[in-house]
Amino acid sequence: MSVGNNPWWAAAVVYQVYPRSFTDSDGDGIGDLPGVTSRLEYLADLGVDAIWLTPFYPSPLNDGGYDVSDYLDVDPRLGTLADFDALVRGARSRDIRVIVDLVPNHCSSEHPLFKKALAAGPGSPERDLFIFRDGRGAGGEEPPNNWPSRFGGRAWTRVTDGQWYLHLFDTSQPDWNWRDPRVRPMFAEILRFWLDRGVAGFRVDVAHGLLKARDLADVTDATLTNRPSPYYHRPEVQEVYREWRAILDGYPAGGFPGARTAVGEVWADSADTLRPYLAPGGLPQVFNFELVQSRWSAPALRAAIDATHAFADGTRAPWVIGNHDVVRPVTRWGAAAARAAALLLLALPGSAYIYQGEELGLPEVLDIQDAARQDPTFRRTGGEVKGRDGCRVPVPWDRGGPSFGFSRTESASPPSPPWLPQPAGWGQCSVEAEDGDPDSFLALYQQALRLRRSHPALGTGVDGSHSMRWLDGPADALFFARDPGFVFLANLGQEPLRLPEFREVLVASGPLIRGAAGVSDGSLPPDTAVWLGV
């Protein structure tokens, strides 16, 4: 995994923690920061280099914490600033860095500055911090333009004095006006506040948003899209990220946690759209969602990998197969395919992100009752879109018991039910059930992560070249090499695939088919991947 002259984040394996669903330390049914701290030894044993915490800030929780009412504190339900500091210290003692989520496109309608904007009225400086406009049509009854909300419906809400405010997401998430000169220094101070507390970087939510076209013009096609538009991928947004990069680079690169990073959540339509985000002096990294969006087929996955390499490598565009916003890989592709995809994820050059529960093979929970759903997408689409609750169900730690070990209260009274209901049989996928089982998802991830740390070809590779080369193979196989001495092979076809010559099997996502001479002349079953030493 040698990083060479690259920063630590170039080859890091980062574990995404959704705190409300990770571990509940006080029995209220809501995961919290002390709960995360209590599981640091598990994460160290798993073998990750950093954790990314999704929002833990004070919030009305209309969108799972992505509606922030205070960027400089911890939601009391999740802990305190002292708990956050203890988490950072505990992680550091295990050589684990902490990345926090930053939500700069919008805040909560309960944010004090938005409340002041509502009270101040049209034309006020308070309103200029957000995007308020008069409506169109007779009496301003129609919204200022035809922009859609990502969560369904229109992107505008009218207030009692007749003006409308913009929210690209939920009504409870008003967009900041990044053209107001007060917004940039406010967020610069937010970055410094958390960097001074020891964080190693930020995940930037909706990094392709922030700036909107000055004229707020209608879009010709109001269907949801990730292509450049009056509200996405404005060229001016790169000025913000150059300012942020200067702040990040102002912290020492030596010692722990090392060079600070910011990884943008940038959904885009092409490599050309993504490329400006990684220009010199811009964001250190952007997520690449090519694998997330790919079908489970060799041509599609190879095209996804090549599409990423068309604008960056995995050091600048980390690989992911899931997160808190998408259907889990086990449900999207199938259990065997998800195991193979894990080996693909960890074999590709650069950095990789793992979403909590992927290492347990957790499936999407599809049968959450409507009354229990909390994703605003479900509400804003009238139930047509179920939303993202199914991938956010609290993690099972124990085979049985209340909440399958999610709540760790020492109280004699039983804990409150988890904030999202766990399905019956959830304990079959628990850490307790899988720990020590050599055939489990957990064992596969543990073994692959150990090998990734020790094998000189993995991560950035021995010379930091990030290189991989495709090898000739069947159309329904993924077959590539990394130097020195590593080959990846995945069979996505319908029939067993003969193994190439190799020195040793490093790890396989499932049992191999033995030949007359054993594994040496054996085959790879369908939906199975293998790492080979050559």
Protein backbone atom coordinates (compact mmCIF):
# COMPACT_ATOMS: atom_id res chain seq x y z
CA MET A 1 0.00 0.00 0.00
CA SER A 2 3.05 2.27 -0.13
CA VAL A 3 2.02 5.92 -0.40
CA GLY A 4 5.48 7.26 -1.28
CA ASN A 5 5.35 11.02 -1.74
CA ASN A 6 1.57 11.05 -1.91
CA PRO A 7 -0.53 12.37 0.99
CA TRP A 8 -2.15 9.81 3.29
CA TRP A 9 -5.53 10.24 1.63
CA ALA A 10 -4.23 9.11 -1.77
CA ALA A 11 -4.54 5.44 -0.78
CA ALA A 12 -6.78 5.65 2.28
CA VAL A 13 -9.62 3.28 3.03
CA VAL A 14 -12.28 5.49 4.62
CA TYR A 15 -15.22 4.05 6.55
CA GLN A 16 -18.41 6.08 6.36
CA VAL A 17 -20.25 6.31 9.68
CA TYR A 18 -23.89 7.40 9.78
CA PRO A 19 -23.84 8.20 13.52
CA ARG A 20 -27.57 7.93 14.18
CA SER A 21 -27.47 4.33 12.95
CA PHE A 22 -24.07 3.12 14.17
CA THR A 23 -24.26 2.66 17.95
CA ASP A 24 -26.54 4.16 20.62
CA SER A 25 -24.68 4.67 23.91
CA ASP A 26 -27.54 5.90 26.11
CA GLY A 27 -30.55 3.81 25.12
CA ASP A 28 -32.63 6.53 23.48
CA GLY A 29 -32.76 4.65 20.16
CA ILE A 30 -30.51 7.16 18.37
CA GLY A 31 -26.87 6.48 17.59
CA ASP A 32 -24.43 9.05 18.95
CA LEU A 33 -20.79 10.11 19.06
CA PRO A 34 -19.96 8.20 22.28
CA GLY A 35 -21.38 5.16 20.52
CA VAL A 36 -18.93 5.67 17.66
CA THR A 37 -16.07 6.05 20.13
CA SER A 38 -17.06 2.77 21.79
CA ARG A 39 -16.61 0.96 18.45
CA LEU A 40 -13.22 2.37 17.47
CA GLU A 41 -11.48 -0.89 18.30
CA TYR A 42 -13.78 -2.69 15.85
CA LEU A 43 -12.86 -0.19 13.14
CA ALA A 44 -9.16 -0.52 13.93
CA ASP A 45 -9.41 -4.30 13.71
CA LEU A 46 -11.25 -3.96 10.41
CA GLY A 47 -8.26 -2.05 9.08
CA VAL A 48 -9.54 1.36 7.97
CA ASP A 49 -7.41 4.50 7.77
CA ALA A 50 -10.10 7.09 8.45
CA ILE A 51 -13.76 7.53 9.26
CA TRP A 52 -16.17 9.99 7.65
CA LEU A 53 -18.92 11.17 9.97
CA THR A 54 -22.15 12.24 8.30
CA PRO A 55 -23.70 15.34 9.93
CA PHE A 56 -23.88 15.35 13.72
CA TYR A 57 -24.68 19.05 14.05
CA PRO A 58 -27.79 20.49 15.75
CA SER A 59 -30.65 19.86 13.35
CA PRO A 60 -34.43 19.41 13.25
CA LEU A 61 -33.61 16.19 11.35
CA ASN A 62 -35.96 16.88 8.47
CA ASP A 63 -33.29 15.39 6.21
CA GLY A 64 -31.22 13.17 8.45
CA GLY A 65 -29.03 16.00 9.72
CA TYR A 66 -28.33 17.57 6.32
CA ASP A 67 -30.55 20.42 7.51
CA VAL A 68 -28.04 22.14 9.80
CA SER A 69 -29.15 24.75 12.33
CA ASP A 70 -25.68 25.28 13.89
CA TYR A 71 -22.43 24.41 12.11
CA LEU A 72 -20.27 24.84 15.22
CA ASP A 73 -21.79 22.42 17.69
CA VAL A 74 -23.03 18.85 18.20
CA ASP A 75 -26.71 17.93 18.31
CA PRO A 76 -27.52 17.20 21.98
CA ARG A 77 -29.10 13.92 20.92
CA LEU A 78 -25.74 12.84 19.50
CA GLY A 79 -23.46 14.22 22.19
CA THR A 80 -21.38 17.29 22.95
CA LEU A 81 -18.27 19.00 21.62
CA ALA A 82 -16.39 17.24 24.41
CA ASP A 83 -17.68 13.92 23.03
CA PHE A 84 -16.47 14.92 19.57
CA ASP A 85 -13.02 15.78 20.92
CA ALA A 86 -12.90 12.44 22.74
CA LEU A 87 -13.78 10.65 19.49
CA VAL A 88 -10.99 12.43 17.61
CA ARG A 89 -8.50 11.57 20.37
CA GLY A 90 -9.61 7.95 20.50
CA ALA A 91 -9.36 7.64 16.74
CA ARG A 92 -5.92 9.22 16.70
CA SER A 93 -4.66 6.74 19.29
CA ARG A 94 -5.53 4.02 16.78
CA ASP A 95 -4.06 5.88 13.76
CA ILE A 96 -7.55 6.58 12.43
CA ARG A 97 -8.27 10.02 11.03
CA VAL A 98 -11.65 11.77 11.20
CA ILE A 99 -13.36 13.43 8.23
CA VAL A 100 -16.53 15.44 8.89
CA ASP A 101 -19.42 16.29 6.62
CA LEU A 102 -19.81 19.91 5.54
CA VAL A 103 -23.17 21.11 4.17
CA PRO A 104 -22.53 24.42 2.37
CA ASN A 105 -25.32 24.52 -0.21
CA HIS A 106 -28.13 24.93 2.30
CA CYS A 107 -28.93 25.05 5.99
CA SER A 108 -32.01 24.38 8.11
CA SER A 109 -35.04 26.64 8.10
CA GLU A 110 -34.43 26.67 11.87
CA HIS A 111 -31.00 28.27 11.43
CA PRO A 112 -30.96 31.59 13.34
CA LEU A 113 -29.91 33.51 10.23
CA PHE A 114 -32.82 32.16 8.20
CA LYS A 115 -35.23 32.99 11.02
CA LYS A 116 -33.87 36.54 11.00
CA ALA A 117 -34.32 36.66 7.22
CA LEU A 118 -37.97 35.70 7.52
CA ALA A 119 -38.54 38.34 10.20
CA ALA A 120 -36.65 41.10 8.38
CA GLY A 121 -38.79 41.16 5.24
CA PRO A 122 -38.20 41.76 1.51
CA GLY A 123 -35.12 43.69 0.44
CA SER A 124 -33.35 43.37 3.76
CA PRO A 125 -29.67 42.46 4.21
CA GLU A 126 -30.83 39.48 6.24
CA ARG A 127 -32.69 38.09 3.23
CA ASP A 128 -29.68 38.60 0.99
CA LEU A 129 -27.93 35.74 2.78
CA PHE A 130 -30.45 33.44 1.08
CA ILE A 131 -32.15 33.45 -2.31
CA PHE A 132 -35.46 35.24 -1.93
CA ARG A 133 -37.34 36.51 -4.97
CA ASP A 134 -40.74 37.86 -5.90
CA GLY A 135 -42.98 35.44 -7.74
CA ARG A 136 -44.22 35.57 -11.29
CA GLY A 137 -47.73 35.97 -12.61
CA ALA A 138 -50.65 37.89 -11.20
CA GLY A 139 -49.87 38.76 -7.60
CA GLY A 140 -46.65 36.75 -7.68
CA GLU A 141 -48.58 33.51 -7.32
CA GLU A 142 -46.13 31.49 -9.41
CA PRO A 143 -42.55 30.64 -8.36
CA PRO A 144 -39.69 32.74 -9.75
CA ASN A 145 -38.56 30.00 -12.14
CA ASN A 146 -39.18 26.37 -13.07
CA TRP A 147 -36.33 24.74 -11.16
CA PRO A 148 -37.14 21.34 -9.64
CA SER A 149 -36.32 20.12 -6.15
CA ARG A 150 -34.12 17.02 -5.94
CA PHE A 151 -36.63 15.64 -3.46
CA GLY A 152 -39.66 16.13 -5.70
CA GLY A 153 -41.88 19.10 -6.51
CA ARG A 154 -40.65 22.60 -7.13
CA ALA A 155 -37.57 24.22 -5.63
CA TRP A 156 -39.39 27.27 -4.24
CA THR A 157 -41.56 27.91 -1.19
CA ARG A 158 -43.64 31.05 -0.61
CA VAL A 159 -43.59 32.87 2.70
CA THR A 160 -46.34 34.95 4.28
CA ASP A 161 -45.19 38.30 2.83
CA GLY A 162 -45.48 36.90 -0.70
CA GLN A 163 -41.82 36.30 -1.55
CA TRP A 164 -40.39 32.89 -2.41
CA TYR A 165 -37.13 31.28 -1.23
CA LEU A 166 -35.04 28.73 -3.11
CA HIS A 167 -34.38 25.21 -1.78
CA LEU A 168 -32.89 22.70 -4.19
CA PHE A 169 -33.82 20.02 -1.67
CA ASP A 170 -36.52 20.08 1.02
CA THR A 171 -38.60 23.10 2.01
CA SER A 172 -36.79 22.95 5.35
CA GLN A 173 -33.39 23.44 3.60
CA PRO A 174 -33.08 27.01 2.25
CA ASP A 175 -30.11 27.56 -0.06
CA TRP A 176 -27.39 29.97 0.98
CA ASN A 177 -26.70 32.87 -1.38
CA TRP A 178 -23.04 32.34 -2.16
CA ARG A 179 -22.95 35.62 -4.09
CA ASP A 180 -23.42 37.54 -0.85
CA PRO A 181 -19.95 38.55 0.41
CA ARG A 182 -20.73 37.44 3.98
CA VAL A 183 -21.20 33.76 3.17
CA ARG A 184 -17.65 32.85 2.12
CA PRO A 185 -15.91 34.13 5.27
CA MET A 186 -18.60 32.48 7.41
CA PHE A 187 -17.80 29.07 5.92
CA ALA A 188 -14.05 29.73 6.05
CA GLU A 189 -14.42 30.10 9.81
CA ILE A 190 -16.48 26.89 9.96
CA LEU A 191 -13.64 25.02 8.23
CA ARG A 192 -11.06 26.44 10.63
CA PHE A 193 -13.20 25.62 13.66
CA TRP A 194 -13.22 21.89 12.86
CA LEU A 195 -9.67 21.78 11.51
CA ASP A 196 -8.48 23.31 14.78
CA ARG A 197 -10.26 20.46 16.59
CA GLY A 198 -8.11 17.94 14.75
CA VAL A 199 -10.17 16.78 11.78
CA ALA A 200 -8.29 15.49 8.76
CA GLY A 201 -10.69 16.88 6.20
CA PHE A 202 -14.22 17.33 4.95
CA ARG A 203 -16.72 15.59 2.77
CA VAL A 204 -18.45 18.45 0.92
CA ASP A 205 -22.17 17.88 0.42
CA VAL A 206 -23.64 18.94 -2.96
CA ALA A 207 -20.28 20.38 -3.96
CA HIS A 208 -21.60 21.02 -7.48
CA GLY A 209 -24.28 23.36 -6.08
CA LEU A 210 -23.56 26.53 -4.02
CA LEU A 211 -23.41 29.12 -6.81
CA LYS A 212 -26.49 29.78 -8.94
CA ALA A 213 -26.80 31.81 -12.13
CA ARG A 214 -27.36 35.48 -11.33
CA ASP A 215 -30.50 35.73 -13.45
CA LEU A 216 -32.04 32.51 -12.05
CA ALA A 217 -33.20 31.72 -15.58
CA ASP A 218 -35.62 28.93 -16.35
CA VAL A 219 -34.11 25.64 -17.46
CA THR A 220 -35.19 24.36 -20.84
CA ASP A 221 -35.67 20.88 -19.39
CA ALA A 222 -36.99 20.79 -15.83
CA THR A 223 -36.32 17.07 -15.34
CA LEU A 224 -33.69 16.27 -12.73
CA THR A 225 -30.20 16.10 -14.18
CA ASN A 226 -26.55 16.28 -13.18
CA ARG A 227 -25.45 18.22 -16.24
CA PRO A 228 -24.29 21.85 -15.99
CA SER A 229 -27.25 24.16 -15.47
CA PRO A 230 -28.16 27.49 -13.88
CA TYR A 231 -28.03 25.75 -10.48
CA TYR A 232 -25.30 23.09 -10.88
CA HIS A 233 -21.63 23.21 -11.88
CA ARG A 234 -21.34 27.00 -12.14
CA PRO A 235 -17.73 27.89 -13.04
CA GLU A 236 -17.61 30.41 -10.17
CA VAL A 237 -17.83 27.61 -7.60
CA GLN A 238 -14.19 26.80 -8.26
CA GLU A 239 -13.24 30.15 -6.70
CA VAL A 240 -14.72 28.91 -3.42
CA TYR A 241 -12.73 25.70 -3.56
CA ARG A 242 -9.49 27.51 -4.30
CA GLU A 243 -10.06 29.52 -1.13
CA TRP A 244 -10.78 26.34 0.82
CA ARG A 245 -7.70 24.59 -0.59
CA ALA A 246 -5.56 27.45 0.68
CA ILE A 247 -7.08 27.00 4.14
CA LEU A 248 -6.47 23.23 4.06
CA ASP A 249 -2.91 23.66 2.87
CA GLY A 250 -2.28 26.14 5.64
CA TYR A 251 -2.28 23.28 8.15
CA PRO A 252 0.93 21.23 8.51
CA ALA A 253 1.29 18.24 6.20
CA GLY A 254 3.74 16.56 8.53
CA GLY A 255 2.77 14.49 11.52
CA PHE A 256 -0.77 13.37 12.29
CA PRO A 257 -3.30 13.73 10.71
CA GLY A 258 -1.12 14.91 7.82
CA ALA A 259 -2.21 16.87 4.76
CA ARG A 260 -5.83 17.88 5.06
CA THR A 261 -8.31 16.90 2.38
CA ALA A 262 -11.74 17.82 1.11
CA VAL A 263 -13.64 15.33 -1.03
CA GLY A 264 -16.52 16.75 -3.00
CA GLU A 265 -19.83 15.03 -3.53
CA VAL A 266 -20.07 15.95 -7.20
CA TRP A 267 -22.69 14.23 -9.31
CA ALA A 268 -21.91 14.98 -12.95
CA ASP A 269 -22.80 13.95 -16.47
CA SER A 270 -19.28 13.60 -17.89
CA ALA A 271 -15.56 13.68 -17.23
CA ASP A 272 -15.41 17.15 -18.75
CA THR A 273 -17.84 18.40 -16.11
CA LEU A 274 -15.81 16.85 -13.27
CA ARG A 275 -12.37 17.89 -14.44
CA PRO A 276 -12.46 21.56 -13.26
CA TYR A 277 -13.02 20.48 -9.66
CA LEU A 278 -9.60 18.82 -9.63
CA ALA A 279 -7.72 21.68 -11.29
CA PRO A 280 -4.50 22.77 -9.55
CA GLY A 281 -5.36 24.57 -6.33
CA GLY A 282 -8.91 23.22 -6.27
CA LEU A 283 -10.47 20.39 -4.30
CA PRO A 284 -8.00 17.66 -3.35
CA GLN A 285 -10.57 14.98 -4.25
CA VAL A 286 -14.04 14.33 -5.64
CA PHE A 287 -16.00 11.13 -5.28
CA ASN A 288 -16.42 9.12 -8.42
CA PHE A 289 -19.80 7.41 -8.54
CA GLU A 290 -19.16 5.36 -11.66
CA LEU A 291 -19.27 2.01 -9.84
CA VAL A 292 -22.38 3.02 -7.89
CA GLN A 293 -24.22 3.78 -11.11
CA SER A 294 -22.97 0.77 -13.06
CA ARG A 295 -24.84 -2.39 -13.95
CA TRP A 296 -23.32 -5.68 -12.79
CA SER A 297 -21.70 -6.62 -16.07
CA ALA A 298 -18.07 -6.73 -17.11
CA PRO A 299 -18.43 -4.27 -20.03
CA ALA A 300 -20.35 -1.80 -17.86
CA LEU A 301 -17.89 -1.96 -14.98
CA ARG A 302 -14.88 -1.71 -17.26
CA ALA A 303 -16.46 1.34 -18.89
CA ALA A 304 -17.06 2.82 -15.42
CA ILE A 305 -13.41 2.36 -14.45
CA ASP A 306 -12.18 3.77 -17.75
CA ALA A 307 -14.57 6.73 -17.39
CA THR A 308 -12.94 7.58 -14.08
CA HIS A 309 -9.44 7.27 -15.48
CA ALA A 310 -10.47 9.64 -18.25
CA PHE A 311 -10.33 12.56 -15.80
CA ALA A 312 -8.42 11.34 -12.74
CA ASP A 313 -7.18 8.31 -10.87
CA GLY A 314 -8.44 6.86 -7.63
CA THR A 315 -6.15 9.03 -5.53
CA ARG A 316 -8.07 12.13 -6.62
CA ALA A 317 -11.42 10.41 -7.30
CA PRO A 318 -11.97 7.76 -4.59
CA TRP A 319 -13.91 4.61 -5.43
CA VAL A 320 -17.25 3.76 -3.78
CA ILE A 321 -19.88 1.06 -4.29
CA GLY A 322 -22.42 2.44 -1.82
CA ASN A 323 -23.30 5.17 0.65
CA HIS A 324 -26.19 6.52 2.70
CA ASP A 325 -28.02 7.76 -0.41
CA VAL A 326 -28.18 4.64 -2.60
CA VAL A 327 -29.55 1.10 -2.47
CA ARG A 328 -27.09 -1.26 -0.80
CA PRO A 329 -24.87 -3.39 -3.09
CA VAL A 330 -26.27 -6.71 -1.83
CA THR A 331 -29.75 -5.68 -2.97
CA ARG A 332 -28.60 -3.84 -6.08
CA TRP A 333 -26.39 -6.62 -7.45
CA GLY A 334 -26.92 -9.72 -5.29
CA ALA A 335 -24.90 -11.14 -2.39
CA ALA A 336 -22.28 -13.00 -4.43
CA ALA A 337 -21.79 -10.03 -6.72
CA ALA A 338 -21.46 -7.68 -3.72
CA ARG A 339 -18.65 -9.85 -2.35
CA ALA A 340 -16.88 -9.75 -5.70
CA ALA A 341 -17.47 -5.99 -5.91
CA ALA A 342 -15.77 -5.54 -2.53
CA LEU A 343 -12.59 -7.10 -3.91
CA LEU A 344 -12.86 -4.94 -7.01
CA LEU A 345 -13.27 -1.80 -4.89
CA LEU A 346 -10.19 -2.56 -2.78
CA ALA A 347 -8.02 -3.64 -5.73
CA LEU A 348 -8.43 -0.49 -7.81
CA PRO A 349 -5.70 2.16 -7.65
CA GLY A 350 -6.10 4.92 -5.09
CA SER A 351 -8.54 5.49 -2.25
CA ALA A 352 -11.74 3.58 -1.40
CA TYR A 353 -14.75 4.34 0.80
CA ILE A 354 -16.80 1.71 2.64
CA TYR A 355 -20.28 2.53 3.93
CA GLN A 356 -21.11 1.10 7.35
CA GLY A 357 -22.66 -2.36 7.06
CA GLU A 358 -21.18 -3.15 3.65
CA GLU A 359 -18.56 -5.20 5.49
CA LEU A 360 -21.46 -7.22 6.98
CA GLY A 361 -23.29 -7.68 3.70
CA LEU A 362 -26.34 -5.80 4.98
CA PRO A 363 -29.17 -5.71 2.44
CA GLU A 364 -31.51 -2.81 1.79
CA VAL A 365 -34.50 -2.96 4.13
CA LEU A 366 -37.43 -2.79 1.73
CA ASP A 367 -40.43 -3.31 3.99
CA ILE A 368 -40.29 -0.25 6.26
CA GLN A 369 -43.83 0.82 7.03
CA ASP A 370 -44.87 4.14 5.53
CA ALA A 371 -45.53 5.62 8.97
CA ALA A 372 -41.93 4.88 10.01
CA ARG A 373 -40.26 6.41 6.95
CA GLN A 374 -38.36 9.63 7.55
CA ASP A 375 -36.75 10.50 4.20
CA PRO A 376 -38.33 13.75 2.89
CA THR A 377 -38.23 12.28 -0.62
CA PHE A 378 -41.00 9.87 0.41
CA ARG A 379 -43.17 12.73 1.64
CA ARG A 380 -42.49 15.16 -1.22
CA THR A 381 -43.25 12.54 -3.89
CA GLY A 382 -46.44 11.35 -2.21
CA GLY A 383 -44.84 7.96 -1.56
CA GLU A 384 -43.93 7.32 -5.21
CA VAL A 385 -40.23 7.30 -4.27
CA LYS A 386 -39.54 5.28 -1.14
CA GLY A 387 -36.36 7.19 -0.38
CA ARG A 388 -33.17 6.25 1.39
CA ASP A 389 -34.32 4.95 4.76
CA GLY A 390 -33.69 1.35 3.71
CA CYS A 391 -29.90 1.79 3.68
CA ARG A 392 -29.88 3.73 6.96
CA VAL A 393 -31.40 1.13 9.29
CA PRO A 394 -29.32 0.82 12.50
CA VAL A 395 -26.42 -1.63 12.38
CA PRO A 396 -26.86 -5.04 14.09
CA TRP A 397 -24.01 -5.87 16.47
CA ASP A 398 -25.50 -8.89 18.31
CA ARG A 399 -27.42 -11.95 17.17
CA GLY A 400 -30.41 -11.05 19.31
CA GLY A 401 -31.64 -8.88 22.14
CA PRO A 402 -33.19 -5.43 22.01
CA SER A 403 -32.11 -3.66 18.82
CA PHE A 404 -29.56 -6.44 18.12
CA GLY A 405 -26.96 -4.67 20.24
CA PHE A 406 -27.39 -1.28 18.58
CA SER A 407 -28.24 0.27 21.98
CA ARG A 408 -25.54 -0.28 24.62
CA THR A 409 -27.27 1.24 27.64
CA GLU A 410 -26.20 0.10 31.11
CA SER A 411 -29.59 1.05 32.49
CA ALA A 412 -31.79 -1.67 33.95
CA SER A 413 -34.69 -0.49 31.82
CA PRO A 414 -34.88 -1.61 28.19
CA PRO A 415 -33.68 0.85 25.54
CA SER A 416 -36.04 2.79 23.34
CA PRO A 417 -36.76 1.28 19.92
CA PRO A 418 -34.29 2.32 17.20
CA TRP A 419 -35.22 5.47 15.32
CA LEU A 420 -35.71 3.33 12.21
CA PRO A 421 -37.13 -0.18 12.71
CA GLN A 422 -34.81 -3.15 12.21
CA PRO A 423 -36.24 -6.19 10.41
CA ALA A 424 -36.71 -9.59 11.97
CA GLY A 425 -33.63 -11.74 11.51
CA TRP A 426 -31.34 -8.68 11.36
CA GLY A 427 -29.04 -10.43 13.83
CA GLN A 428 -28.06 -12.99 11.18
CA CYS A 429 -25.97 -10.23 9.60
CA SER A 430 -24.58 -8.96 12.91
CA VAL A 431 -20.95 -8.54 13.86
CA GLU A 432 -21.39 -11.24 16.51
CA ALA A 433 -22.79 -13.71 13.96
CA GLU A 434 -20.05 -13.05 11.39
CA ASP A 435 -17.01 -12.58 13.60
CA GLY A 436 -14.86 -15.70 13.36
CA ASP A 437 -16.85 -17.17 10.44
CA PRO A 438 -14.31 -17.57 7.62
CA ASP A 439 -17.06 -17.51 5.00
CA SER A 440 -18.69 -14.27 6.19
CA PHE A 441 -18.67 -10.86 4.56
CA LEU A 442 -16.79 -9.55 7.60
CA ALA A 443 -14.00 -12.10 7.21
CA LEU A 444 -13.70 -11.23 3.51
CA TYR A 445 -13.32 -7.51 4.24
CA GLN A 446 -10.88 -8.11 7.08
CA GLN A 447 -8.68 -10.33 4.95
CA ALA A 448 -8.77 -8.01 1.93
CA LEU A 449 -7.98 -4.95 4.02
CA ARG A 450 -5.02 -6.68 5.67
CA LEU A 451 -3.67 -7.66 2.27
CA ARG A 452 -4.25 -4.18 0.88
CA ARG A 453 -2.08 -2.73 3.65
CA SER A 454 0.73 -5.20 3.15
CA HIS A 455 0.82 -5.84 -0.61
CA PRO A 456 3.13 -3.43 -2.45
CA ALA A 457 0.97 -3.37 -5.59
CA LEU A 458 -2.20 -2.14 -3.85
CA GLY A 459 -3.31 1.32 -2.80
CA THR A 460 -1.11 3.71 -4.74
CA GLY A 461 1.32 0.93 -5.59
CA VAL A 462 4.99 0.63 -4.80
CA ASP A 463 6.05 3.60 -6.92
CA GLY A 464 2.97 5.76 -6.45
CA SER A 465 2.16 5.49 -10.13
CA HIS A 466 -1.45 4.43 -9.44
CA SER A 467 -1.21 2.24 -12.51
CA MET A 468 -3.20 -0.78 -13.54
CA ARG A 469 -3.32 -2.46 -16.89
CA TRP A 470 -6.11 -4.45 -18.43
CA LEU A 471 -5.27 -7.99 -19.48
CA ASP A 472 -6.80 -9.91 -22.34
CA GLY A 473 -9.70 -12.05 -21.20
CA PRO A 474 -13.28 -13.02 -22.00
CA ALA A 475 -15.80 -10.24 -22.57
CA ASP A 476 -17.69 -11.20 -19.41
CA ALA A 477 -14.62 -10.98 -17.14
CA LEU A 478 -12.73 -8.17 -15.44
CA PHE A 479 -9.04 -8.96 -15.67
CA PHE A 480 -6.23 -6.56 -14.75
CA ALA A 481 -2.74 -6.52 -13.28
CA ARG A 482 -0.90 -4.21 -10.90
CA ASP A 483 2.81 -4.31 -10.30
CA PRO A 484 4.54 -5.94 -8.63
CA GLY A 485 2.98 -9.35 -8.85
CA PHE A 486 -0.78 -8.78 -8.50
CA VAL A 487 -3.66 -9.90 -10.73
CA PHE A 488 -7.38 -9.30 -10.26
CA LEU A 489 -9.93 -11.52 -12.00
CA ALA A 490 -13.72 -11.43 -11.71
CA ASN A 491 -16.09 -13.72 -13.56
CA LEU A 492 -19.35 -11.97 -14.39
CA GLY A 493 -20.44 -14.56 -16.91
CA GLN A 494 -22.75 -17.54 -16.61
CA GLU A 495 -20.11 -20.29 -16.82
CA PRO A 496 -16.97 -21.08 -14.78
CA LEU A 497 -13.82 -19.32 -15.97
CA ARG A 498 -10.46 -21.07 -16.08
CA LEU A 499 -7.92 -19.45 -13.78
CA PRO A 500 -4.73 -18.06 -15.36
CA GLU A 501 -1.31 -19.14 -14.21
CA PHE A 502 -0.53 -17.83 -10.74
CA ARG A 503 1.81 -18.26 -7.80
CA GLU A 504 -0.76 -18.10 -4.98
CA VAL A 505 -4.38 -17.27 -4.24
CA LEU A 506 -4.36 -14.20 -2.01
CA VAL A 507 -8.11 -13.99 -1.38
CA ALA A 508 -11.27 -15.02 -3.20
CA SER A 509 -14.83 -13.75 -2.75
CA GLY A 510 -16.17 -17.32 -2.82
CA PRO A 511 -15.04 -20.94 -3.19
CA LEU A 512 -12.97 -21.77 -6.26
CA ILE A 513 -13.63 -24.83 -8.40
CA ARG A 514 -10.77 -27.28 -8.11
CA GLY A 515 -9.33 -28.99 -11.17
CA ALA A 516 -7.54 -32.33 -11.50
CA ALA A 517 -4.42 -30.86 -9.91
CA GLY A 518 -6.34 -28.82 -7.35
CA VAL A 519 -6.75 -25.05 -7.43
CA SER A 520 -3.74 -24.59 -9.72
CA ASP A 521 -5.78 -25.72 -12.72
CA GLY A 522 -9.11 -24.72 -11.23
CA SER A 523 -11.85 -22.31 -12.27
CA LEU A 524 -13.62 -19.21 -11.03
CA PRO A 525 -17.39 -19.60 -10.55
CA PRO A 526 -19.83 -16.95 -11.83
CA ASP A 527 -20.10 -13.75 -9.75
CA THR A 528 -16.80 -14.49 -8.03
CA ALA A 529 -13.58 -12.49 -7.86
CA VAL A 530 -10.06 -13.47 -6.86
CA TRP A 531 -6.78 -11.74 -6.05
CA LEU A 532 -3.80 -13.69 -7.36
CA GLY A 533 -0.11 -13.39 -6.63
CA VAL A 534 1.92 -13.89 -9.79
